[in-house]
């Protein structure tokens, strides 16, 4: 059985991918954007040794947020 680490599982794409992966017979581990910032996803990586990593986490705030803070 393969292990998948999915970052960004609460976002639009991640939520949909997670829904498709459930019931696939794979072990699925999730980490959100906060896990990337504080390093949880990387500790998870060392502990679970995933076969597949799907990185979808990102800081998003919409068009107005991007206009106000373009960096």
C-alpha atoms as a PDB file:
ATOM      1  CA  UNK A   1       0.000   0.000   0.000  1.00  0.00           C
ATOM      2  CA  UNK A   2       1.441   3.363  -0.980  1.00  0.00           C
ATOM      3  CA  UNK A   3       1.611   6.337   1.372  1.00  0.00           C
ATOM      4  CA  UNK A   4       0.708   9.784   0.074  1.00  0.00           C
ATOM      5  CA  UNK A   5       1.547  13.080   1.798  1.00  0.00           C
ATOM      6  CA  UNK A   6      -0.823  15.773   0.550  1.00  0.00           C
ATOM      7  CA  UNK A   7      -0.093  19.387   1.467  1.00  0.00           C
ATOM      8  CA  UNK A   8      -2.807  21.997   1.024  1.00  0.00           C
ATOM      9  CA  UNK A   9      -5.697  19.602   1.565  1.00  0.00           C
ATOM     10  CA  UNK A  10      -8.012  22.421   2.702  1.00  0.00           C
ATOM     11  CA  UNK A  11      -7.669  24.483  -0.471  1.00  0.00           C
ATOM     12  CA  UNK A  12      -9.833  24.166  -3.574  1.00  0.00           C
ATOM     13  CA  UNK A  13      -7.603  21.742  -5.486  1.00  0.00           C
ATOM     14  CA  UNK A  14      -6.368  19.851  -2.428  1.00  0.00           C
ATOM     15  CA  UNK A  15      -9.872  19.308  -1.064  1.00  0.00           C
ATOM     16  CA  UNK A  16     -11.019  17.846  -4.373  1.00  0.00           C
ATOM     17  CA  UNK A  17      -7.967  15.632  -4.747  1.00  0.00           C
ATOM     18  CA  UNK A  18      -8.364  14.389  -1.177  1.00  0.00           C
ATOM     19  CA  UNK A  19     -11.970  13.458  -1.935  1.00  0.00           C
ATOM     20  CA  UNK A  20     -10.843  11.445  -4.953  1.00  0.00           C
ATOM     21  CA  UNK A  21      -8.061   9.702  -3.033  1.00  0.00           C
ATOM     22  CA  UNK A  22     -10.273   8.601  -0.140  1.00  0.00           C
ATOM     23  CA  UNK A  23     -11.285   5.009  -0.594  1.00  0.00           C
ATOM     24  CA  UNK A  24      -8.419   4.333  -3.007  1.00  0.00           C
ATOM     25  CA  UNK A  25      -6.731   1.900  -0.640  1.00  0.00           C
ATOM     26  CA  UNK A  26      -3.780   4.228  -0.057  1.00  0.00           C
ATOM     27  CA  UNK A  27      -2.625   5.676   3.248  1.00  0.00           C
ATOM     28  CA  UNK A  28      -3.234   9.428   2.994  1.00  0.00           C
ATOM     29  CA  UNK A  29      -1.563  11.988   5.244  1.00  0.00           C
ATOM     30  CA  UNK A  30      -2.421  15.681   5.042  1.00  0.00           C
ATOM     31  CA  UNK A  31      -0.692  18.908   6.007  1.00  0.00           C
ATOM     32  CA  UNK A  32      -1.916  22.446   5.367  1.00  0.00           C
ATOM     33  CA  UNK A  33      -0.014  25.623   4.547  1.00  0.00           C
ATOM     34  CA  UNK A  34       0.634  26.178   8.255  1.00  0.00           C
ATOM     35  CA  UNK A  35       2.418  22.828   8.345  1.00  0.00           C
ATOM     36  CA  UNK A  36       4.825  24.063   5.703  1.00  0.00           C
ATOM     37  CA  UNK A  37       5.503  27.299   7.594  1.00  0.00           C
ATOM     38  CA  UNK A  38       6.173  25.679  10.968  1.00  0.00           C
ATOM     39  CA  UNK A  39       7.847  22.593   9.528  1.00  0.00           C
ATOM     40  CA  UNK A  40       5.193  19.993  10.468  1.00  0.00           C
ATOM     41  CA  UNK A  41       5.015  18.657   6.924  1.00  0.00           C
ATOM     42  CA  UNK A  42       8.735  18.026   6.940  1.00  0.00           C
ATOM     43  CA  UNK A  43       8.607  16.220  10.287  1.00  0.00           C
ATOM     44  CA  UNK A  44       5.679  14.227   8.893  1.00  0.00           C
ATOM     45  CA  UNK A  45       7.800  13.369   5.880  1.00  0.00           C
ATOM     46  CA  UNK A  46      10.570  11.945   8.069  1.00  0.00           C
ATOM     47  CA  UNK A  47       8.123   9.942  10.174  1.00  0.00           C
ATOM     48  CA  UNK A  48       5.795   8.469   7.568  1.00  0.00           C
ATOM     49  CA  UNK A  49       8.242   8.091   4.668  1.00  0.00           C
ATOM     50  CA  UNK A  50       5.680   8.741   1.926  1.00  0.00           C
ATOM     51  CA  UNK A  51       5.958   7.128  -1.481  1.00  0.00           C
ATOM     52  CA  UNK A  52       4.259  10.121  -3.125  1.00  0.00           C
ATOM     53  CA  UNK A  53       4.199  13.797  -2.142  1.00  0.00           C
ATOM     54  CA  UNK A  54       1.630  16.125  -3.696  1.00  0.00           C
ATOM     55  CA  UNK A  55       2.437  19.725  -2.770  1.00  0.00           C
ATOM     56  CA  UNK A  56      -0.556  22.020  -3.202  1.00  0.00           C
ATOM     57  CA  UNK A  57      -0.173  24.273  -0.162  1.00  0.00           C
ATOM     58  CA  UNK A  58       0.237  27.969  -0.684  1.00  0.00           C
ATOM     59  CA  UNK A  59      -0.620  31.296   0.871  1.00  0.00           C
ATOM     60  CA  UNK A  60      -3.579  32.738  -0.991  1.00  0.00           C
ATOM     61  CA  UNK A  61      -5.779  35.711  -0.307  1.00  0.00           C
ATOM     62  CA  UNK A  62      -7.469  36.513  -3.563  1.00  0.00           C
ATOM     63  CA  UNK A  63      -6.979  39.292  -6.081  1.00  0.00           C
ATOM     64  CA  UNK A  64      -7.213  42.170  -3.600  1.00  0.00           C
ATOM     65  CA  UNK A  65      -4.645  40.615  -1.285  1.00  0.00           C
ATOM     66  CA  UNK A  66      -2.266  40.121  -4.210  1.00  0.00           C
ATOM     67  CA  UNK A  67      -2.717  43.757  -5.250  1.00  0.00           C
ATOM     68  CA  UNK A  68      -2.044  44.977  -1.694  1.00  0.00           C
ATOM     69  CA  UNK A  69       0.956  42.700  -1.110  1.00  0.00           C
ATOM     70  CA  UNK A  70       2.412  41.555  -4.460  1.00  0.00           C
ATOM     71  CA  UNK A  71       5.434  39.788  -2.946  1.00  0.00           C
END
